[in-house]
C-alpha atoms as a PDB file:
ATOM      1  CA  MET A   1     -15.081 -29.186  -1.615  1.00  0.00           C
ATOM      2  CA  LYS A   2     -13.309 -26.780   0.506  1.00  0.00           C
ATOM      3  CA  ILE A   3      -9.761 -25.397   0.189  1.00  0.00           C
ATOM      4  CA  THR A   4      -7.995 -23.229   2.654  1.00  0.00           C
ATOM      5  CA  TYR A   5      -4.890 -21.628   1.676  1.00  0.00           C
ATOM      6  CA  LEU A   6      -2.031 -21.959   4.181  1.00  0.00           C
ATOM      7  CA  GLY A   7       0.674 -20.059   2.296  1.00  0.00           C
ATOM      8  CA  HIS A   8       3.262 -20.850  -0.412  1.00  0.00           C
ATOM      9  CA  ASN A   9       2.147 -24.193  -1.908  1.00  0.00           C
ATOM     10  CA  SER A  10       0.372 -25.646   1.243  1.00  0.00           C
ATOM     11  CA  LEU A  11      -3.208 -26.296   0.985  1.00  0.00           C
ATOM     12  CA  TRP A  12      -5.919 -27.877   3.255  1.00  0.00           C
ATOM     13  CA  ILE A  13      -8.499 -29.409   1.311  1.00  0.00           C
ATOM     14  CA  GLU A  14     -11.893 -30.800   3.122  1.00  0.00           C
ATOM     15  CA  THR A  15     -13.973 -33.197   1.020  1.00  0.00           C
ATOM     16  CA  GLU A  16     -17.140 -34.444   2.245  1.00  0.00           C
ATOM     17  CA  ASN A  17     -15.660 -37.080   4.516  1.00  0.00           C
ATOM     18  CA  HIS A  18     -11.901 -36.534   4.423  1.00  0.00           C
ATOM     19  CA  LYS A  19      -9.095 -33.830   5.156  1.00  0.00           C
ATOM     20  CA  ILE A  20      -6.130 -33.515   2.894  1.00  0.00           C
ATOM     21  CA  MET A  21      -2.991 -31.557   3.509  1.00  0.00           C
ATOM     22  CA  VAL A  22      -0.764 -30.571   0.457  1.00  0.00           C
ATOM     23  CA  ASP A  23       2.874 -29.724   0.653  1.00  0.00           C
ATOM     24  CA  PRO A  24       2.770 -28.707   4.377  1.00  0.00           C
ATOM     25  CA  PHE A  25       5.330 -26.005   4.743  1.00  0.00           C
ATOM     26  CA  ILE A  26       3.488 -23.928   7.590  1.00  0.00           C
ATOM     27  CA  SER A  27       5.932 -23.640  10.682  1.00  0.00           C
ATOM     28  CA  GLY A  28       8.896 -22.666   8.330  1.00  0.00           C
ATOM     29  CA  ASN A  29       7.021 -19.930   6.333  1.00  0.00           C
ATOM     30  CA  PRO A  30       8.255 -16.570   7.023  1.00  0.00           C
ATOM     31  CA  LEU A  31       4.929 -14.924   6.292  1.00  0.00           C
ATOM     32  CA  ASN A  32       2.938 -17.196   8.412  1.00  0.00           C
ATOM     33  CA  ASP A  33       2.411 -15.741  11.697  1.00  0.00           C
ATOM     34  CA  LYS A  34      -1.169 -17.037  12.804  1.00  0.00           C
ATOM     35  CA  ILE A  35      -1.282 -20.787  11.771  1.00  0.00           C
ATOM     36  CA  LYS A  36       0.118 -23.653  13.555  1.00  0.00           C
ATOM     37  CA  ALA A  37       0.964 -27.105  11.791  1.00  0.00           C
ATOM     38  CA  SER A  38      -0.238 -28.808  15.018  1.00  0.00           C
ATOM     39  CA  GLN A  39      -3.957 -27.510  14.599  1.00  0.00           C
ATOM     40  CA  PHE A  40      -4.305 -29.758  11.508  1.00  0.00           C
ATOM     41  CA  HIS A  41      -4.874 -33.635  11.690  1.00  0.00           C
ATOM     42  CA  PRO A  42      -5.098 -34.785   7.978  1.00  0.00           C
ATOM     43  CA  ASP A  43      -6.344 -38.036   6.810  1.00  0.00           C
ATOM     44  CA  TYR A  44      -3.912 -37.673   3.885  1.00  0.00           C
ATOM     45  CA  ILE A  45      -0.788 -35.771   3.125  1.00  0.00           C
ATOM     46  CA  LEU A  46      -0.358 -35.235  -0.723  1.00  0.00           C
ATOM     47  CA  LEU A  47       3.294 -34.227  -1.800  1.00  0.00           C
ATOM     48  CA  THR A  48       4.254 -32.885  -5.188  1.00  0.00           C
ATOM     49  CA  HIS A  49       8.045 -33.213  -4.646  1.00  0.00           C
ATOM     50  CA  ALA A  50      10.820 -33.404  -2.032  1.00  0.00           C
ATOM     51  CA  HIS A  51      12.041 -29.774  -1.574  1.00  0.00           C
ATOM     52  CA  GLU A  52      12.048 -28.467   2.057  1.00  0.00           C
ATOM     53  CA  ASP A  53       9.567 -25.761   1.310  1.00  0.00           C
ATOM     54  CA  HIS A  54       6.802 -28.499   0.483  1.00  0.00           C
ATOM     55  CA  ILE A  55       7.674 -31.147   3.095  1.00  0.00           C
ATOM     56  CA  ALA A  56       8.891 -29.135   6.242  1.00  0.00           C
ATOM     57  CA  ASP A  57       5.917 -30.348   8.563  1.00  0.00           C
ATOM     58  CA  VAL A  58       5.274 -33.838   7.278  1.00  0.00           C
ATOM     59  CA  GLU A  59       6.426 -35.917   9.803  1.00  0.00           C
ATOM     60  CA  ASN A  60       4.913 -33.888  12.497  1.00  0.00           C
ATOM     61  CA  LEU A  61       1.534 -33.978  10.637  1.00  0.00           C
ATOM     62  CA  ALA A  62       1.775 -37.728   9.779  1.00  0.00           C
ATOM     63  CA  THR A  63       2.280 -38.426  13.428  1.00  0.00           C
ATOM     64  CA  LEU A  64      -0.555 -36.147  14.772  1.00  0.00           C
ATOM     65  CA  GLY A  65      -3.209 -37.391  12.206  1.00  0.00           C
ATOM     66  CA  ASN A  66      -1.887 -40.878  11.714  1.00  0.00           C
ATOM     67  CA  SER A  67      -1.940 -39.767   8.098  1.00  0.00           C
ATOM     68  CA  LYS A  68      -1.105 -41.688   4.789  1.00  0.00           C
ATOM     69  CA  ILE A  69       1.391 -39.862   2.681  1.00  0.00           C
ATOM     70  CA  ILE A  70       0.526 -39.970  -1.122  1.00  0.00           C
ATOM     71  CA  SER A  71       3.374 -38.928  -3.415  1.00  0.00           C
ATOM     72  CA  ASN A  72       5.697 -40.557  -6.031  1.00  0.00           C
ATOM     73  CA  PHE A  73       7.236 -43.948  -5.325  1.00  0.00           C
ATOM     74  CA  GLU A  74      10.616 -42.571  -4.070  1.00  0.00           C
ATOM     75  CA  ILE A  75       9.066 -40.105  -1.468  1.00  0.00           C
ATOM     76  CA  VAL A  76       6.730 -42.728  -0.207  1.00  0.00           C
ATOM     77  CA  THR A  77       9.676 -45.070   0.276  1.00  0.00           C
ATOM     78  CA  TYR A  78      11.704 -42.281   2.000  1.00  0.00           C
ATOM     79  CA  TYR A  79       8.918 -41.989   4.641  1.00  0.00           C
ATOM     80  CA  ASP A  80       8.342 -45.756   4.771  1.00  0.00           C
ATOM     81  CA  LYS A  81      11.661 -46.352   6.182  1.00  0.00           C
ATOM     82  CA  LYS A  82      11.040 -43.926   8.769  1.00  0.00           C
ATOM     83  CA  GLY A  83       7.810 -45.678   9.872  1.00  0.00           C
ATOM     84  CA  TYR A  84       5.190 -43.541   8.107  1.00  0.00           C
ATOM     85  CA  GLN A  85       2.573 -45.182   6.044  1.00  0.00           C
ATOM     86  CA  GLY A  86       2.198 -44.159   2.296  1.00  0.00           C
ATOM     87  CA  HIS A  87       0.763 -44.799  -1.038  1.00  0.00           C
ATOM     88  CA  GLY A  88       3.219 -44.506  -3.885  1.00  0.00           C
ATOM     89  CA  MET A  89       2.285 -43.380  -7.312  1.00  0.00           C
ATOM     90  CA  ASN A  90       3.980 -42.278 -10.518  1.00  0.00           C
ATOM     91  CA  THR A  91       3.549 -40.081 -13.504  1.00  0.00           C
ATOM     92  CA  GLY A  92       0.528 -40.997 -15.513  1.00  0.00           C
ATOM     93  CA  GLY A  93      -1.075 -43.324 -12.673  1.00  0.00           C
ATOM     94  CA  SER A  94      -4.447 -42.811 -11.207  1.00  0.00           C
ATOM     95  CA  PHE A  95      -5.795 -44.569  -8.050  1.00  0.00           C
ATOM     96  CA  ASP A  96      -9.147 -44.471  -6.458  1.00  0.00           C
ATOM     97  CA  PHE A  97      -8.870 -43.309  -2.811  1.00  0.00           C
ATOM     98  CA  PRO A  98     -11.751 -43.120  -0.171  1.00  0.00           C
ATOM     99  CA  PHE A  99     -11.801 -39.475  -0.965  1.00  0.00           C
ATOM    100  CA  GLY A 100     -11.860 -39.515  -4.567  1.00  0.00           C
ATOM    101  CA  ARG A 101      -9.799 -40.166  -7.675  1.00  0.00           C
ATOM    102  CA  LEU A 102      -6.178 -38.930  -7.941  1.00  0.00           C
ATOM    103  CA  THR A 103      -4.201 -38.836 -11.022  1.00  0.00           C
ATOM    104  CA  SER A 104      -0.618 -38.185 -11.075  1.00  0.00           C
ATOM    105  CA  VAL A 105       0.586 -35.717 -13.998  1.00  0.00           C
ATOM    106  CA  VAL A 106       3.754 -34.148 -15.307  1.00  0.00           C
ATOM    107  CA  ALA A 107       5.413 -31.330 -13.535  1.00  0.00           C
ATOM    108  CA  HIS A 108       8.809 -29.945 -14.896  1.00  0.00           C
ATOM    109  CA  HIS A 109      10.916 -29.191 -11.780  1.00  0.00           C
ATOM    110  CA  SER A 110      13.483 -31.032  -9.679  1.00  0.00           C
ATOM    111  CA  SER A 111      13.072 -33.003  -6.472  1.00  0.00           C
ATOM    112  CA  VAL A 112      15.623 -33.681  -3.677  1.00  0.00           C
ATOM    113  CA  PHE A 113      15.135 -33.957  -0.036  1.00  0.00           C
ATOM    114  CA  PRO A 114      17.113 -31.430   2.484  1.00  0.00           C
ATOM    115  CA  ASP A 115      19.507 -34.350   3.348  1.00  0.00           C
ATOM    116  CA  GLY A 116      20.384 -34.760  -0.438  1.00  0.00           C
ATOM    117  CA  THR A 117      18.340 -37.796  -0.993  1.00  0.00           C
ATOM    118  CA  TYR A 118      16.848 -38.102  -4.552  1.00  0.00           C
ATOM    119  CA  GLY A 119      13.091 -37.318  -4.399  1.00  0.00           C
ATOM    120  CA  GLY A 120      12.180 -38.695  -7.688  1.00  0.00           C
ATOM    121  CA  ASN A 121      10.170 -37.079 -10.452  1.00  0.00           C
ATOM    122  CA  PRO A 122       8.053 -34.069  -9.315  1.00  0.00           C
ATOM    123  CA  ASN A 123       4.388 -34.296 -10.162  1.00  0.00           C
ATOM    124  CA  GLY A 124       1.159 -32.363 -10.307  1.00  0.00           C
ATOM    125  CA  TYR A 125      -2.160 -34.041  -9.314  1.00  0.00           C
ATOM    126  CA  VAL A 126      -5.890 -33.771 -10.545  1.00  0.00           C
ATOM    127  CA  LEU A 127      -8.122 -34.509  -7.814  1.00  0.00           C
ATOM    128  CA  GLN A 128     -11.656 -35.591  -8.549  1.00  0.00           C
ATOM    129  CA  ALA A 129     -13.972 -35.417  -5.410  1.00  0.00           C
ATOM    130  CA  ASP A 130     -17.563 -34.593  -4.372  1.00  0.00           C
ATOM    131  CA  GLY A 131     -18.431 -34.003  -8.082  1.00  0.00           C
ATOM    132  CA  LYS A 132     -15.597 -31.552  -8.595  1.00  0.00           C
ATOM    133  CA  THR A 133     -12.117 -31.504 -10.285  1.00  0.00           C
ATOM    134  CA  ILE A 134      -8.995 -29.587  -9.453  1.00  0.00           C
ATOM    135  CA  TYR A 135      -5.603 -29.529 -10.866  1.00  0.00           C
ATOM    136  CA  ILE A 136      -2.943 -28.968  -8.406  1.00  0.00           C
ATOM    137  CA  ALA A 137       0.054 -28.225 -10.622  1.00  0.00           C
ATOM    138  CA  GLY A 138       3.021 -28.158  -8.063  1.00  0.00           C
ATOM    139  CA  ASP A 139       6.071 -26.467  -8.806  1.00  0.00           C
ATOM    140  CA  THR A 140       6.357 -26.608 -12.683  1.00  0.00           C
ATOM    141  CA  ALA A 141       7.198 -24.794 -15.866  1.00  0.00           C
ATOM    142  CA  LEU A 142       4.670 -24.313 -18.430  1.00  0.00           C
ATOM    143  CA  THR A 143       4.614 -27.763 -20.536  1.00  0.00           C
ATOM    144  CA  TYR A 144       2.389 -28.757 -23.478  1.00  0.00           C
ATOM    145  CA  ASP A 145       1.616 -31.829 -21.565  1.00  0.00           C
ATOM    146  CA  MET A 146      -1.109 -29.626 -19.747  1.00  0.00           C
ATOM    147  CA  LYS A 147      -3.090 -29.969 -22.695  1.00  0.00           C
ATOM    148  CA  LEU A 148      -3.822 -33.582 -22.206  1.00  0.00           C
ATOM    149  CA  ILE A 149      -5.326 -33.056 -18.574  1.00  0.00           C
ATOM    150  CA  PRO A 150      -8.776 -32.089 -19.651  1.00  0.00           C
ATOM    151  CA  LEU A 151      -8.822 -34.653 -22.385  1.00  0.00           C
ATOM    152  CA  LEU A 152      -7.990 -37.487 -19.838  1.00  0.00           C
ATOM    153  CA  CYS A 153      -9.724 -36.198 -16.662  1.00  0.00           C
ATOM    154  CA  GLY A 154     -12.657 -33.888 -18.104  1.00  0.00           C
ATOM    155  CA  LYS A 155     -13.555 -30.513 -17.087  1.00  0.00           C
ATOM    156  CA  ILE A 156     -11.329 -28.673 -14.588  1.00  0.00           C
ATOM    157  CA  ASP A 157     -13.237 -26.602 -12.148  1.00  0.00           C
ATOM    158  CA  LEU A 158     -10.235 -24.925 -10.391  1.00  0.00           C
ATOM    159  CA  ALA A 159      -6.353 -24.922 -11.356  1.00  0.00           C
ATOM    160  CA  ILE A 160      -4.068 -24.279  -8.668  1.00  0.00           C
ATOM    161  CA  LEU A 161      -0.916 -22.832 -10.258  1.00  0.00           C
ATOM    162  CA  PRO A 162       2.476 -21.453  -9.119  1.00  0.00           C
ATOM    163  CA  ILE A 163       2.809 -17.791 -10.271  1.00  0.00           C
ATOM    164  CA  GLY A 164       5.994 -16.521  -8.453  1.00  0.00           C
ATOM    165  CA  ASP A 165       8.343 -16.812 -11.322  1.00  0.00           C
ATOM    166  CA  ASN A 166      12.118 -17.642 -10.749  1.00  0.00           C
ATOM    167  CA  PHE A 167      11.504 -21.460  -9.466  1.00  0.00           C
ATOM    168  CA  THR A 168       8.448 -21.910 -11.342  1.00  0.00           C
ATOM    169  CA  MET A 169       5.925 -20.347 -13.889  1.00  0.00           C
ATOM    170  CA  ASP A 170       5.197 -16.656 -13.502  1.00  0.00           C
ATOM    171  CA  ALA A 171       1.781 -15.089 -14.006  1.00  0.00           C
ATOM    172  CA  LYS A 172       2.020 -14.969 -17.912  1.00  0.00           C
ATOM    173  CA  ALA A 173       3.042 -18.421 -18.255  1.00  0.00           C
ATOM    174  CA  ALA A 174       0.409 -19.594 -15.581  1.00  0.00           C
ATOM    175  CA  SER A 175      -2.216 -17.692 -17.555  1.00  0.00           C
ATOM    176  CA  MET A 176      -1.207 -19.992 -20.695  1.00  0.00           C
ATOM    177  CA  ALA A 177      -1.427 -23.035 -18.347  1.00  0.00           C
ATOM    178  CA  ALA A 178      -4.852 -22.126 -17.454  1.00  0.00           C
ATOM    179  CA  ASP A 179      -5.780 -21.940 -21.230  1.00  0.00           C
ATOM    180  CA  PHE A 180      -4.017 -25.272 -21.785  1.00  0.00           C
ATOM    181  CA  VAL A 181      -6.068 -27.116 -19.120  1.00  0.00           C
ATOM    182  CA  GLU A 182      -9.289 -25.145 -20.327  1.00  0.00           C
ATOM    183  CA  CYS A 183      -9.916 -23.695 -16.870  1.00  0.00           C
ATOM    184  CA  ASP A 184     -10.988 -20.096 -16.321  1.00  0.00           C
ATOM    185  CA  LYS A 185     -10.617 -20.131 -12.557  1.00  0.00           C
ATOM    186  CA  VAL A 186      -7.116 -20.131 -10.979  1.00  0.00           C
ATOM    187  CA  LEU A 187      -5.926 -20.000  -7.369  1.00  0.00           C
ATOM    188  CA  GLY A 188      -2.276 -18.743  -7.360  1.00  0.00           C
ATOM    189  CA  CYS A 189       0.284 -20.189  -5.122  1.00  0.00           C
ATOM    190  CA  HIS A 190       4.181 -20.330  -4.713  1.00  0.00           C
ATOM    191  CA  TYR A 191       4.603 -16.425  -4.409  1.00  0.00           C
ATOM    192  CA  ASP A 192       5.839 -13.743  -2.146  1.00  0.00           C
ATOM    193  CA  THR A 193       7.301 -16.279   0.366  1.00  0.00           C
ATOM    194  CA  PHE A 194      10.916 -15.504  -0.447  1.00  0.00           C
ATOM    195  CA  PRO A 195      12.526 -12.321  -2.094  1.00  0.00           C
ATOM    196  CA  PRO A 196      13.048 -14.112  -5.585  1.00  0.00           C
ATOM    197  CA  ILE A 197       9.376 -14.793  -5.893  1.00  0.00           C
ATOM    198  CA  LYS A 198       7.620 -11.721  -4.701  1.00  0.00           C
ATOM    199  CA  ILE A 199       5.157 -10.436  -7.070  1.00  0.00           C
ATOM    200  CA  ASP A 200       2.850  -7.452  -8.090  1.00  0.00           C
ATOM    201  CA  HIS A 201      -0.482  -8.722  -7.033  1.00  0.00           C
ATOM    202  CA  GLU A 202      -2.332  -6.372  -9.287  1.00  0.00           C
ATOM    203  CA  SER A 203      -0.187  -6.781 -12.311  1.00  0.00           C
ATOM    204  CA  ALA A 204      -0.544 -10.687 -12.061  1.00  0.00           C
ATOM    205  CA  LYS A 205      -4.305 -10.323 -11.780  1.00  0.00           C
ATOM    206  CA  GLU A 206      -4.475  -8.002 -15.033  1.00  0.00           C
ATOM    207  CA  THR A 207      -2.509 -10.706 -16.867  1.00  0.00           C
ATOM    208  CA  PHE A 208      -5.087 -13.275 -15.950  1.00  0.00           C
ATOM    209  CA  LYS A 209      -7.877 -10.754 -16.994  1.00  0.00           C
ATOM    210  CA  ALA A 210      -6.248 -10.156 -20.293  1.00  0.00           C
ATOM    211  CA  ALA A 211      -6.353 -13.697 -20.996  1.00  0.00           C
ATOM    212  CA  ASN A 212      -9.994 -14.061 -19.868  1.00  0.00           C
ATOM    213  CA  LYS A 213      -9.068 -16.075 -16.695  1.00  0.00           C
ATOM    214  CA  GLU A 214      -9.815 -15.181 -12.984  1.00  0.00           C
ATOM    215  CA  LEU A 215      -6.705 -15.164 -10.696  1.00  0.00           C
ATOM    216  CA  LEU A 216      -7.669 -15.787  -7.018  1.00  0.00           C
ATOM    217  CA  LEU A 217      -4.965 -14.660  -4.482  1.00  0.00           C
ATOM    218  CA  LEU A 218      -6.011 -15.733  -1.006  1.00  0.00           C
ATOM    219  CA  GLY A 219      -4.468 -14.862   2.274  1.00  0.00           C
ATOM    220  CA  ILE A 220      -3.000 -17.352   4.520  1.00  0.00           C
ATOM    221  CA  GLY A 221      -5.702 -18.953   6.391  1.00  0.00           C
ATOM    222  CA  GLU A 222      -8.489 -17.728   3.901  1.00  0.00           C
ATOM    223  CA  SER A 223     -10.684 -20.345   2.042  1.00  0.00           C
ATOM    224  CA  MET A 224     -13.026 -21.071  -0.933  1.00  0.00           C
ATOM    225  CA  ASP A 225     -15.432 -23.473  -2.094  1.00  0.00           C
ATOM    226  CA  VAL A 226     -15.127 -25.402  -5.254  1.00  0.00           C
END
């Protein structure tokens, strides 16, 4: 599985046979000056919640790739009314997609579309594909529910956690989250994009190191293999 970081909480995941876009916020990201949303044609678009900084490019991408949107029931229903195909899930549910198994897990946050429409409960997701398991936390606070994830889904090979504070966990809370899900390798996200979530990169890495965890901070457009 190959993961490319597209800034903020946006991820481009390539499994053996499919391409998945997570929380596309590409064209509106003030830190992005080299990647265009139009260069991606995802088979699936996975959304953690309805805030604008996670859905800005959904409709454009769904049109370009004839993509199926995966999210909670309310978000999928919202896009269904606009003519986009989707697969609705809810917290605690799993489904076997052509790319692999996806499990919807708890995220403590809020969720509303820019037009004021209720976006349902926010969620994180555990993706099991190509013999690997990754945890995509979405926007969330630290929660004890995270301890259930390895019990239900097995060994987590990579945890993708928000570290920017203010709206989500900070580095300290995220390092604890990594401990809760029993994962030593973390890809940081949801940081630096706006002034309230700017972080000290070295300090964040030291926080994880003190917890015997590795924090990876990829530049926009950089990739890693899982």
